[in-house]
Amino acid sequence: MRRRCPWGAPSAVPPDGTAPFFLVAERSIPGLIIVDGKGQCFVNEAAPYHEFVDAMYAHREKT
């Protein structure tokens, strides 16, 4: 079975609702913790992009 693999990159929407931005260099900052809107960790920040994006989609489906 062929796995569907969406193209994507980790991104964030600022609290003020302005345009989302990609988390590229930010992921390399030592001590960075990425959380959802409720402040919960849901992914290893050091994961490869495709695993990170898969985790974002999976987490969104759970909430």
Protein backbone atom coordinates (compact mmCIF):
# COMPACT_ATOMS: atom_id res chain seq x y z
CA MET A 1 0.00 0.00 0.00
CA ARG A 2 1.34 3.39 -0.93
CA ARG A 3 1.48 5.89 1.90
CA ARG A 4 0.11 9.35 1.31
CA CYS A 5 2.66 11.95 2.26
CA PRO A 6 1.56 15.58 2.37
CA TRP A 7 4.07 18.28 1.65
CA GLY A 8 4.41 20.61 4.55
CA ALA A 9 6.60 22.39 6.99
CA PRO A 10 6.11 23.21 10.64
CA SER A 11 4.48 26.61 10.93
CA ALA A 12 2.89 28.82 13.55
CA VAL A 13 0.19 31.46 13.62
CA PRO A 14 0.97 34.37 15.94
CA PRO A 15 -1.63 35.12 18.65
CA ASP A 16 -2.55 38.37 16.90
CA GLY A 17 -3.80 36.36 13.89
CA THR A 18 -1.27 37.70 11.39
CA ALA A 19 0.04 35.47 8.62
CA PRO A 20 1.56 32.14 9.62
CA PHE A 21 5.32 31.70 9.36
CA PHE A 22 7.49 28.65 8.80
CA LEU A 23 9.57 27.32 11.68
CA VAL A 24 12.86 26.77 9.90
CA ALA A 25 15.77 28.28 11.83
CA GLU A 26 13.67 28.38 15.01
CA ARG A 27 13.79 24.58 15.29
CA SER A 28 17.56 24.74 15.78
CA ILE A 29 17.42 27.02 18.84
CA PRO A 30 18.72 25.13 21.89
CA GLY A 31 15.97 24.48 24.44
CA LEU A 32 13.12 25.21 22.00
CA ILE A 33 9.83 23.57 22.99
CA ILE A 34 6.96 23.48 20.51
CA VAL A 35 3.47 23.30 21.99
CA ASP A 36 -0.09 23.43 20.71
CA GLY A 37 -2.59 26.19 21.48
CA LYS A 38 -3.23 24.66 24.91
CA GLY A 39 0.46 24.65 25.81
CA GLN A 40 0.85 20.87 25.42
CA CYS A 41 3.94 19.26 23.88
CA PHE A 42 3.02 16.81 21.13
CA VAL A 43 6.16 16.19 19.05
CA ASN A 44 9.91 15.86 19.31
CA GLU A 45 11.16 19.21 18.04
CA ALA A 46 14.23 17.53 16.51
CA ALA A 47 12.18 15.16 14.36
CA PRO A 48 12.70 15.27 10.57
CA TYR A 49 10.26 17.56 8.74
CA HIS A 50 8.05 14.76 7.38
CA GLU A 51 7.70 13.17 10.83
CA PHE A 52 7.08 16.56 12.40
CA VAL A 53 4.32 17.38 9.92
CA ASP A 54 2.77 13.91 10.32
CA ALA A 55 2.72 14.50 14.10
CA MET A 56 1.06 17.91 13.60
CA TYR A 57 -1.72 16.36 11.51
CA ALA A 58 -2.16 13.43 13.90
CA HIS A 59 -2.33 15.73 16.91
CA ARG A 60 -4.86 18.00 15.21
CA GLU A 61 -7.12 15.00 14.49
CA LYS A 62 -7.07 14.04 18.20
CA THR A 63 -8.19 17.50 19.38
